Amino acid sequence: METTSPQEAQHIVAAYLKTVEAHADANVYPCAIDDLPHSKDRIRAAFRTCVAALRSTGELTAELRDYLEIAYVSLADYVSAECMRLLREYGLAGEQLAADSRLPREKVGTDAWRRLSEQSRLAGELARGISDEADALRAEFRSWQQDGSESGSGDDPAHIRTADA
């Protein structure tokens, strides 16, 4: 990951937080990776720099740390346009099926049922991938609290804890 100055990192993280908050306010999930203001790697590097700077100045409160962790883990929600489209279509089909008041046996022939049955395995794999990435991001973020260093990828198994959630 490339290194950035604390000031540049702050601007990168602020732009990312603005994007995440806009998507959260609009209840958009999953999100397109193309909506990110910078690449995931650049955002990850900027977060690491910001957290290290905040720790070194004593400004990283528990509340701020929790907020930044949630935002950092939310990087996993940014996926390719194709994955986003499939997961959104799958979710919409589920909503349509749930809203359909007919008997279950009458729903089997609907487009929503067909989409759910055809896409369930792939949607599950994509969701599992997002969850795995979120767990890895959470562990990486938490490793920064343990190692106290600014360098390194956070991928060293000695520094990664099992995610609590």
N, C-alpha and C. Protein backbone atom coordinates (compact mmCIF):
# COMPACT_ATOMS: atom_id res chain seq x y z
N MET A 1 0.84 -1.18 0.00
CA MET A 1 0.00 0.00 0.00
C MET A 1 0.88 1.24 0.00
N GLU A 2 0.47 2.23 -0.74
CA GLU A 2 1.25 3.45 -0.79
C GLU A 2 1.08 4.24 0.51
N THR A 3 2.10 5.01 0.82
CA THR A 3 2.03 5.82 2.03
C THR A 3 1.55 7.22 1.67
N THR A 4 0.87 7.84 2.60
CA THR A 4 0.38 9.19 2.40
C THR A 4 0.67 10.00 3.66
N SER A 5 0.72 11.31 3.50
CA SER A 5 0.92 12.18 4.65
C SER A 5 -0.35 12.14 5.50
N PRO A 6 -0.24 12.45 6.79
CA PRO A 6 -1.45 12.48 7.63
C PRO A 6 -2.52 13.44 7.09
N GLN A 7 -2.11 14.56 6.52
CA GLN A 7 -3.08 15.52 5.98
C GLN A 7 -3.81 14.94 4.76
N GLU A 8 -3.04 14.34 3.87
CA GLU A 8 -3.65 13.72 2.68
C GLU A 8 -4.54 12.55 3.10
N ALA A 9 -4.06 11.77 4.05
CA ALA A 9 -4.85 10.63 4.55
C ALA A 9 -6.17 11.12 5.14
N GLN A 10 -6.13 12.21 5.86
CA GLN A 10 -7.35 12.77 6.45
C GLN A 10 -8.36 13.15 5.36
N HIS A 11 -7.88 13.73 4.28
CA HIS A 11 -8.78 14.10 3.17
C HIS A 11 -9.37 12.87 2.50
N ILE A 12 -8.56 11.83 2.33
CA ILE A 12 -9.04 10.59 1.71
C ILE A 12 -10.10 9.94 2.59
N VAL A 13 -9.83 9.84 3.89
CA VAL A 13 -10.78 9.23 4.82
C VAL A 13 -12.06 10.06 4.89
N ALA A 14 -11.93 11.38 4.93
CA ALA A 14 -13.12 12.25 4.99
C ALA A 14 -14.00 12.07 3.75
N ALA A 15 -13.37 11.97 2.58
CA ALA A 15 -14.15 11.77 1.34
C ALA A 15 -14.84 10.40 1.38
N TYR A 16 -14.14 9.39 1.87
CA TYR A 16 -14.74 8.07 1.99
C TYR A 16 -15.90 8.08 2.98
N LEU A 17 -15.72 8.70 4.14
CA LEU A 17 -16.78 8.76 5.15
C LEU A 17 -18.02 9.47 4.60
N LYS A 18 -17.82 10.50 3.82
CA LYS A 18 -18.94 11.21 3.20
C LYS A 18 -19.72 10.27 2.27
N THR A 19 -19.00 9.47 1.50
CA THR A 19 -19.62 8.50 0.60
C THR A 19 -20.39 7.44 1.38
N VAL A 20 -19.76 6.89 2.41
CA VAL A 20 -20.40 5.84 3.22
C VAL A 20 -21.66 6.38 3.89
N GLU A 21 -21.58 7.57 4.45
CA GLU A 21 -22.75 8.15 5.13
C GLU A 21 -23.88 8.42 4.15
N ALA A 22 -23.56 8.87 2.95
CA ALA A 22 -24.60 9.11 1.93
C ALA A 22 -25.27 7.79 1.56
N HIS A 23 -24.50 6.73 1.40
CA HIS A 23 -25.09 5.43 1.07
C HIS A 23 -25.91 4.89 2.24
N ALA A 24 -25.42 5.08 3.45
CA ALA A 24 -26.17 4.62 4.62
C ALA A 24 -27.49 5.39 4.75
N ASP A 25 -27.45 6.70 4.54
CA ASP A 25 -28.67 7.52 4.62
C ASP A 25 -29.69 7.10 3.57
N ALA A 26 -29.21 6.70 2.39
CA ALA A 26 -30.09 6.27 1.30
C ALA A 26 -30.42 4.79 1.38
N ASN A 27 -29.90 4.10 2.41
CA ASN A 27 -30.11 2.67 2.60
C ASN A 27 -29.69 1.88 1.36
N VAL A 28 -28.52 2.23 0.82
CA VAL A 28 -27.98 1.57 -0.36
C VAL A 28 -27.05 0.45 0.10
N TYR A 29 -27.35 -0.77 -0.34
CA TYR A 29 -26.50 -1.92 -0.02
C TYR A 29 -26.77 -3.02 -1.03
N PRO A 30 -25.77 -3.69 -1.53
CA PRO A 30 -24.37 -3.30 -1.47
C PRO A 30 -24.11 -2.10 -2.35
N CYS A 31 -22.91 -1.60 -2.32
CA CYS A 31 -22.55 -0.39 -3.06
C CYS A 31 -21.55 -0.72 -4.16
N ALA A 32 -21.53 0.14 -5.17
CA ALA A 32 -20.61 -0.06 -6.29
C ALA A 32 -19.22 0.42 -5.90
N ILE A 33 -18.23 -0.40 -6.19
CA ILE A 33 -16.85 -0.03 -5.88
C ILE A 33 -16.46 1.24 -6.63
N ASP A 34 -17.10 1.48 -7.78
CA ASP A 34 -16.81 2.68 -8.56
C ASP A 34 -17.30 3.95 -7.86
N ASP A 35 -18.14 3.83 -6.85
CA ASP A 35 -18.62 4.99 -6.10
C ASP A 35 -17.59 5.49 -5.08
N LEU A 36 -16.58 4.68 -4.81
CA LEU A 36 -15.56 5.09 -3.84
C LEU A 36 -14.74 6.25 -4.40
N PRO A 37 -14.36 7.20 -3.54
CA PRO A 37 -13.57 8.34 -4.02
C PRO A 37 -12.13 7.97 -4.35
N HIS A 38 -11.65 6.84 -3.84
CA HIS A 38 -10.30 6.33 -4.10
C HIS A 38 -10.36 4.81 -4.09
N SER A 39 -9.28 4.18 -4.48
CA SER A 39 -9.25 2.71 -4.46
C SER A 39 -9.33 2.21 -3.02
N LYS A 40 -9.78 0.96 -2.87
CA LYS A 40 -9.84 0.36 -1.53
C LYS A 40 -8.47 0.38 -0.87
N ASP A 41 -7.43 0.04 -1.62
CA ASP A 41 -6.08 0.02 -1.04
C ASP A 41 -5.65 1.40 -0.55
N ARG A 42 -5.96 2.41 -1.32
CA ARG A 42 -5.59 3.78 -0.91
C ARG A 42 -6.37 4.20 0.33
N ILE A 43 -7.64 3.84 0.39
CA ILE A 43 -8.46 4.16 1.57
C ILE A 43 -7.93 3.40 2.78
N ARG A 44 -7.59 2.14 2.60
CA ARG A 44 -7.04 1.34 3.71
C ARG A 44 -5.76 1.98 4.25
N ALA A 45 -4.87 2.37 3.35
CA ALA A 45 -3.61 3.00 3.76
C ALA A 45 -3.89 4.32 4.49
N ALA A 46 -4.85 5.08 4.00
CA ALA A 46 -5.20 6.36 4.63
C ALA A 46 -5.77 6.14 6.02
N PHE A 47 -6.61 5.14 6.18
CA PHE A 47 -7.15 4.82 7.51
C PHE A 47 -6.02 4.48 8.48
N ARG A 48 -5.11 3.66 8.04
CA ARG A 48 -4.00 3.25 8.91
C ARG A 48 -3.19 4.47 9.35
N THR A 49 -2.93 5.36 8.41
CA THR A 49 -2.18 6.58 8.73
C THR A 49 -2.95 7.45 9.70
N CYS A 50 -4.25 7.62 9.46
CA CYS A 50 -5.07 8.45 10.34
C CYS A 50 -5.17 7.87 11.75
N VAL A 51 -5.38 6.58 11.84
CA VAL A 51 -5.49 5.94 13.16
C VAL A 51 -4.17 6.08 13.92
N ALA A 52 -3.05 5.88 13.23
CA ALA A 52 -1.75 6.02 13.87
C ALA A 52 -1.54 7.46 14.36
N ALA A 53 -1.91 8.43 13.53
CA ALA A 53 -1.76 9.84 13.91
C ALA A 53 -2.65 10.18 15.10
N LEU A 54 -3.89 9.72 15.08
CA LEU A 54 -4.80 9.98 16.19
C LEU A 54 -4.32 9.31 17.48
N ARG A 55 -3.79 8.11 17.36
CA ARG A 55 -3.25 7.41 18.54
C ARG A 55 -2.06 8.15 19.12
N SER A 56 -1.18 8.61 18.23
CA SER A 56 0.05 9.26 18.70
C SER A 56 -0.23 10.59 19.41
N THR A 57 -1.34 11.23 19.06
CA THR A 57 -1.69 12.50 19.70
C THR A 57 -2.69 12.32 20.84
N GLY A 58 -3.10 11.08 21.08
CA GLY A 58 -4.06 10.81 22.15
C GLY A 58 -5.49 11.21 21.81
N GLU A 59 -5.77 11.45 20.54
CA GLU A 59 -7.10 11.90 20.12
C GLU A 59 -8.02 10.75 19.71
N LEU A 60 -7.53 9.53 19.74
CA LEU A 60 -8.35 8.39 19.33
C LEU A 60 -9.16 7.90 20.53
N THR A 61 -10.33 8.50 20.71
CA THR A 61 -11.22 8.10 21.79
C THR A 61 -11.88 6.77 21.44
N ALA A 62 -12.46 6.13 22.42
CA ALA A 62 -13.16 4.87 22.17
C ALA A 62 -14.30 5.08 21.18
N GLU A 63 -15.02 6.17 21.32
CA GLU A 63 -16.15 6.46 20.42
C GLU A 63 -15.67 6.67 18.99
N LEU A 64 -14.60 7.44 18.83
CA LEU A 64 -14.04 7.68 17.49
C LEU A 64 -13.49 6.39 16.90
N ARG A 65 -12.80 5.60 17.72
CA ARG A 65 -12.26 4.32 17.26
C ARG A 65 -13.37 3.40 16.76
N ASP A 66 -14.47 3.32 17.50
CA ASP A 66 -15.60 2.47 17.09
C ASP A 66 -16.21 2.96 15.79
N TYR A 67 -16.37 4.27 15.66
CA TYR A 67 -16.92 4.87 14.43
C TYR A 67 -16.02 4.54 13.25
N LEU A 68 -14.71 4.76 13.42
CA LEU A 68 -13.77 4.49 12.34
C LEU A 68 -13.71 3.01 11.99
N GLU A 69 -13.83 2.14 13.00
CA GLU A 69 -13.83 0.70 12.73
C GLU A 69 -15.03 0.30 11.88
N ILE A 70 -16.20 0.80 12.23
CA ILE A 70 -17.41 0.49 11.46
C ILE A 70 -17.25 0.97 10.02
N ALA A 71 -16.74 2.19 9.87
CA ALA A 71 -16.55 2.74 8.53
C ALA A 71 -15.52 1.92 7.75
N TYR A 72 -14.45 1.52 8.40
CA TYR A 72 -13.40 0.74 7.75
C TYR A 72 -13.95 -0.61 7.29
N VAL A 73 -14.69 -1.27 8.16
CA VAL A 73 -15.27 -2.58 7.84
C VAL A 73 -16.28 -2.43 6.69
N SER A 74 -16.90 -1.28 6.58
CA SER A 74 -17.87 -1.04 5.51
C SER A 74 -17.24 -1.05 4.12
N LEU A 75 -15.92 -0.99 4.04
CA LEU A 75 -15.26 -1.13 2.74
C LEU A 75 -15.66 -2.43 2.05
N ALA A 76 -15.96 -3.44 2.85
CA ALA A 76 -16.35 -4.74 2.29
C ALA A 76 -17.66 -4.66 1.52
N ASP A 77 -18.48 -3.67 1.82
CA ASP A 77 -19.78 -3.51 1.16
C ASP A 77 -19.65 -2.95 -0.25
N TYR A 78 -18.45 -2.56 -0.64
CA TYR A 78 -18.23 -1.99 -1.97
C TYR A 78 -17.70 -3.09 -2.88
N VAL A 79 -18.54 -3.46 -3.84
CA VAL A 79 -18.26 -4.61 -4.71
C VAL A 79 -18.38 -4.18 -6.17
N SER A 80 -18.03 -5.09 -7.07
CA SER A 80 -18.13 -4.81 -8.50
C SER A 80 -19.58 -4.52 -8.88
N ALA A 81 -19.76 -3.83 -9.98
CA ALA A 81 -21.10 -3.49 -10.45
C ALA A 81 -21.93 -4.76 -10.69
N GLU A 82 -21.30 -5.79 -11.22
CA GLU A 82 -22.03 -7.04 -11.50
C GLU A 82 -22.51 -7.70 -10.20
N CYS A 83 -21.63 -7.76 -9.20
CA CYS A 83 -22.03 -8.34 -7.90
C CYS A 83 -23.13 -7.51 -7.26
N MET A 84 -22.98 -6.19 -7.32
CA MET A 84 -23.99 -5.31 -6.74
C MET A 84 -25.35 -5.54 -7.40
N ARG A 85 -25.36 -5.61 -8.73
CA ARG A 85 -26.61 -5.81 -9.46
C ARG A 85 -27.27 -7.13 -9.06
N LEU A 86 -26.48 -8.21 -9.02
CA LEU A 86 -27.04 -9.51 -8.69
C LEU A 86 -27.60 -9.52 -7.27
N LEU A 87 -26.87 -8.99 -6.31
CA LEU A 87 -27.34 -8.99 -4.92
C LEU A 87 -28.58 -8.12 -4.74
N ARG A 88 -28.62 -7.01 -5.44
CA ARG A 88 -29.82 -6.15 -5.34
C ARG A 88 -31.03 -6.82 -5.98
N GLU A 89 -30.84 -7.45 -7.14
CA GLU A 89 -31.94 -8.17 -7.78
C GLU A 89 -32.43 -9.30 -6.89
N TYR A 90 -31.51 -9.99 -6.27
CA TYR A 90 -31.86 -11.09 -5.37
C TYR A 90 -32.68 -10.57 -4.18
N GLY A 91 -32.23 -9.49 -3.60
CA GLY A 91 -32.96 -8.88 -2.47
C GLY A 91 -34.34 -8.41 -2.87
N LEU A 92 -34.44 -7.80 -4.04
CA LEU A 92 -35.74 -7.33 -4.53
C LEU A 92 -36.68 -8.50 -4.78
N ALA A 93 -36.16 -9.58 -5.33
CA ALA A 93 -37.00 -10.76 -5.56
C ALA A 93 -37.51 -11.32 -4.23
N GLY A 94 -36.66 -11.33 -3.23
CA GLY A 94 -37.09 -11.78 -1.90
C GLY A 94 -38.18 -10.90 -1.32
N GLU A 95 -38.03 -9.59 -1.49
CA GLU A 95 -39.05 -8.65 -1.00
C GLU A 95 -40.37 -8.85 -1.74
N GLN A 96 -40.29 -9.05 -3.05
CA GLN A 96 -41.50 -9.27 -3.84
C GLN A 96 -42.20 -10.56 -3.42
N LEU A 97 -41.44 -11.58 -3.20
CA LEU A 97 -42.01 -12.86 -2.79
C LEU A 97 -42.65 -12.75 -1.40
N ALA A 98 -41.98 -12.04 -0.50
CA ALA A 98 -42.52 -11.87 0.85
C ALA A 98 -43.81 -11.04 0.84
N ALA A 99 -43.89 -10.08 -0.08
CA ALA A 99 -45.07 -9.22 -0.15
C ALA A 99 -46.24 -9.89 -0.86
N ASP A 100 -45.97 -10.95 -1.59
CA ASP A 100 -47.00 -11.67 -2.33
C ASP A 100 -47.88 -12.43 -1.33
N SER A 101 -49.17 -12.14 -1.32
CA SER A 101 -50.08 -12.71 -0.32
C SER A 101 -50.65 -14.07 -0.74
N ARG A 102 -50.27 -14.56 -1.89
CA ARG A 102 -50.79 -15.85 -2.33
C ARG A 102 -50.19 -16.99 -1.48
N LEU A 103 -50.81 -18.13 -1.59
CA LEU A 103 -50.29 -19.32 -0.92
C LEU A 103 -48.92 -19.68 -1.49
N PRO A 104 -48.07 -20.28 -0.68
CA PRO A 104 -46.73 -20.62 -1.16
C PRO A 104 -46.73 -21.42 -2.45
N ARG A 105 -47.61 -22.37 -2.60
CA ARG A 105 -47.61 -23.19 -3.82
C ARG A 105 -47.97 -22.37 -5.05
N GLU A 106 -48.67 -21.24 -4.84
CA GLU A 106 -49.03 -20.37 -5.96
C GLU A 106 -47.89 -19.43 -6.35
N LYS A 107 -46.93 -19.26 -5.46
CA LYS A 107 -45.81 -18.36 -5.72
C LYS A 107 -44.70 -19.03 -6.54
N VAL A 108 -44.71 -20.35 -6.61
CA VAL A 108 -43.63 -21.10 -7.25
C VAL A 108 -43.43 -20.71 -8.71
N GLY A 109 -44.46 -20.33 -9.40
CA GLY A 109 -44.34 -19.99 -10.82
C GLY A 109 -43.99 -18.54 -11.09
N THR A 110 -43.77 -17.73 -10.07
CA THR A 110 -43.50 -16.31 -10.28
C THR A 110 -42.05 -16.05 -10.68
N ASP A 111 -41.82 -14.89 -11.30
CA ASP A 111 -40.46 -14.48 -11.66
C ASP A 111 -39.60 -14.35 -10.40
N ALA A 112 -40.19 -13.83 -9.33
CA ALA A 112 -39.43 -13.67 -8.09
C ALA A 112 -38.95 -15.04 -7.58
N TRP A 113 -39.80 -16.02 -7.61
CA TRP A 113 -39.41 -17.37 -7.16
C TRP A 113 -38.30 -17.91 -8.06
N ARG A 114 -38.44 -17.74 -9.35
CA ARG A 114 -37.44 -18.22 -10.30
C ARG A 114 -36.08 -17.55 -10.03
N ARG A 115 -36.07 -16.23 -9.86
CA ARG A 115 -34.81 -15.52 -9.58
C ARG A 115 -34.18 -16.01 -8.29
N LEU A 116 -34.99 -16.18 -7.26
CA LEU A 116 -34.46 -16.64 -5.98
C LEU A 116 -33.87 -18.05 -6.11
N SER A 117 -34.58 -18.93 -6.78
CA SER A 117 -34.09 -20.31 -6.89
C SER A 117 -32.85 -20.39 -7.77
N GLU A 118 -32.79 -19.59 -8.82
CA GLU A 118 -31.64 -19.63 -9.74
C GLU A 118 -30.41 -18.94 -9.16
N GLN A 119 -30.61 -17.90 -8.37
CA GLN A 119 -29.49 -17.08 -7.93
C GLN A 119 -29.08 -17.31 -6.47
N SER A 120 -29.77 -18.18 -5.75
CA SER A 120 -29.52 -18.29 -4.32
C SER A 120 -28.09 -18.76 -4.01
N ARG A 121 -27.57 -19.73 -4.74
CA ARG A 121 -26.23 -20.23 -4.46
C ARG A 121 -25.19 -19.13 -4.71
N LEU A 122 -25.30 -18.47 -5.84
CA LEU A 122 -24.34 -17.41 -6.18
C LEU A 122 -24.46 -16.23 -5.21
N ALA A 123 -25.69 -15.84 -4.88
CA ALA A 123 -25.89 -14.74 -3.93
C ALA A 123 -25.29 -15.09 -2.57
N GLY A 124 -25.45 -16.34 -2.17
CA GLY A 124 -24.86 -16.79 -0.90
C GLY A 124 -23.35 -16.73 -0.92
N GLU A 125 -22.76 -17.13 -2.03
CA GLU A 125 -21.30 -17.08 -2.15
C GLU A 125 -20.80 -15.64 -2.11
N LEU A 126 -21.51 -14.75 -2.80
CA LEU A 126 -21.12 -13.34 -2.80
C LEU A 126 -21.25 -12.74 -1.40
N ALA A 127 -22.35 -13.05 -0.73
CA ALA A 127 -22.56 -12.55 0.63
C ALA A 127 -21.50 -13.09 1.57
N ARG A 128 -21.13 -14.34 1.41
CA ARG A 128 -20.08 -14.94 2.23
C ARG A 128 -18.75 -14.24 1.97
N GLY A 129 -18.48 -13.91 0.72
CA GLY A 129 -17.25 -13.19 0.38
C GLY A 129 -17.20 -11.81 1.02
N ILE A 130 -18.34 -11.12 1.01
CA ILE A 130 -18.41 -9.80 1.65
C ILE A 130 -18.19 -9.96 3.15
N SER A 131 -18.81 -10.95 3.74
CA SER A 131 -18.66 -11.20 5.18
C SER A 131 -17.22 -11.55 5.54
N ASP A 132 -16.58 -12.37 4.72
CA ASP A 132 -15.18 -12.73 4.97
C ASP A 132 -14.28 -11.51 4.87
N GLU A 133 -14.53 -10.67 3.87
CA GLU A 133 -13.73 -9.45 3.74
C GLU A 133 -13.96 -8.52 4.93
N ALA A 134 -15.21 -8.41 5.38
CA ALA A 134 -15.52 -7.57 6.54
C ALA A 134 -14.78 -8.08 7.78
N ASP A 135 -14.78 -9.39 7.98
CA ASP A 135 -14.05 -9.98 9.11
C ASP A 135 -12.56 -9.67 9.04
N ALA A 136 -11.99 -9.78 7.84
CA ALA A 136 -10.56 -9.50 7.67
C ALA A 136 -10.26 -8.02 7.92
N LEU A 137 -11.14 -7.14 7.44
CA LEU A 137 -10.94 -5.71 7.68
C LEU A 137 -11.05 -5.38 9.16
N ARG A 138 -12.02 -5.99 9.84
CA ARG A 138 -12.18 -5.78 11.28
C ARG A 138 -10.92 -6.23 12.03
N ALA A 139 -10.42 -7.40 11.69
CA ALA A 139 -9.22 -7.92 12.34
C ALA A 139 -8.02 -7.02 12.06
N GLU A 140 -7.92 -6.55 10.83
CA GLU A 140 -6.82 -5.65 10.47
C GLU A 140 -6.91 -4.36 11.28
N PHE A 141 -8.09 -3.76 11.34
CA PHE A 141 -8.26 -2.51 12.10
C PHE A 141 -7.91 -2.72 13.56
N ARG A 142 -8.38 -3.81 14.13
CA ARG A 142 -8.12 -4.08 15.54
C ARG A 142 -6.64 -4.39 15.80
N SER A 143 -5.95 -4.94 14.80
CA SER A 143 -4.53 -5.22 14.98
C SER A 143 -3.74 -3.93 15.16
N TRP A 144 -4.23 -2.84 14.59
CA TRP A 144 -3.54 -1.56 14.75
C TRP A 144 -3.57 -1.10 16.20
N GLN A 145 -4.60 -1.50 16.92
CA GLN A 145 -4.72 -1.13 18.33
C GLN A 145 -3.72 -1.91 19.17
N GLN A 146 -3.34 -3.10 18.69
CA GLN A 146 -2.45 -3.97 19.43
C GLN A 146 -0.98 -3.69 19.13
N ASP A 147 -0.68 -3.48 17.84
CA ASP A 147 0.74 -3.37 17.50
C ASP A 147 1.28 -1.97 17.65
N GLY A 148 0.42 -0.96 17.56
CA GLY A 148 0.84 0.41 17.77
C GLY A 148 1.80 0.94 16.73
N SER A 149 1.98 0.24 15.63
CA SER A 149 2.91 0.72 14.61
C SER A 149 2.16 1.32 13.45
N GLU A 150 2.89 2.13 12.67
CA GLU A 150 2.30 2.75 11.49
C GLU A 150 2.59 1.94 10.24
N SER A 151 3.59 1.09 10.28
CA SER A 151 3.97 0.35 9.08
C SER A 151 3.46 -1.08 9.15
N GLY A 152 3.55 -1.75 8.05
CA GLY A 152 3.09 -3.14 7.99
C GLY A 152 1.68 -3.20 7.47
N SER A 153 1.30 -4.37 7.04
CA SER A 153 0.00 -4.52 6.41
C SER A 153 -1.10 -4.88 7.38
N GLY A 154 -0.74 -5.30 8.58
CA GLY A 154 -1.76 -5.75 9.51
C GLY A 154 -2.18 -7.18 9.22
N ASP A 155 -1.50 -7.82 8.26
CA ASP A 155 -1.87 -9.18 7.89
C ASP A 155 -1.08 -10.24 8.66
N ASP A 156 -0.16 -9.82 9.52
CA ASP A 156 0.62 -10.76 10.30
C ASP A 156 -0.31 -11.49 11.26
N PRO A 157 -0.42 -12.82 11.16
CA PRO A 157 -1.36 -13.57 12.00
C PRO A 157 -1.16 -13.33 13.50
N ALA A 158 0.04 -12.99 13.92
CA ALA A 158 0.28 -12.73 15.34
C ALA A 158 -0.45 -11.48 15.81
N HIS A 159 -0.84 -10.62 14.88
CA HIS A 159 -1.49 -9.37 15.24
C HIS A 159 -2.99 -9.37 14.97
N ILE A 160 -3.53 -10.44 14.42
CA ILE A 160 -4.95 -10.45 14.06
C ILE A 160 -5.74 -11.26 15.08
N ARG A 161 -6.77 -10.62 15.63
CA ARG A 161 -7.66 -11.30 16.57
C ARG A 161 -8.86 -11.83 15.79
N THR A 162 -9.52 -12.79 16.38
CA THR A 162 -10.76 -13.29 15.81
C THR A 162 -11.81 -12.22 15.97
N ALA A 163 -12.59 -11.96 14.92
CA ALA A 163 -13.63 -10.94 14.98
C ALA A 163 -14.71 -11.36 15.98
N ASP A 164 -15.20 -10.37 16.74
CA ASP A 164 -16.25 -10.62 17.72
C ASP A 164 -17.62 -10.74 17.08
N ALA A 165 -17.79 -10.10 15.95
CA ALA A 165 -19.11 -10.09 15.31
C ALA A 165 -19.02 -10.60 13.90
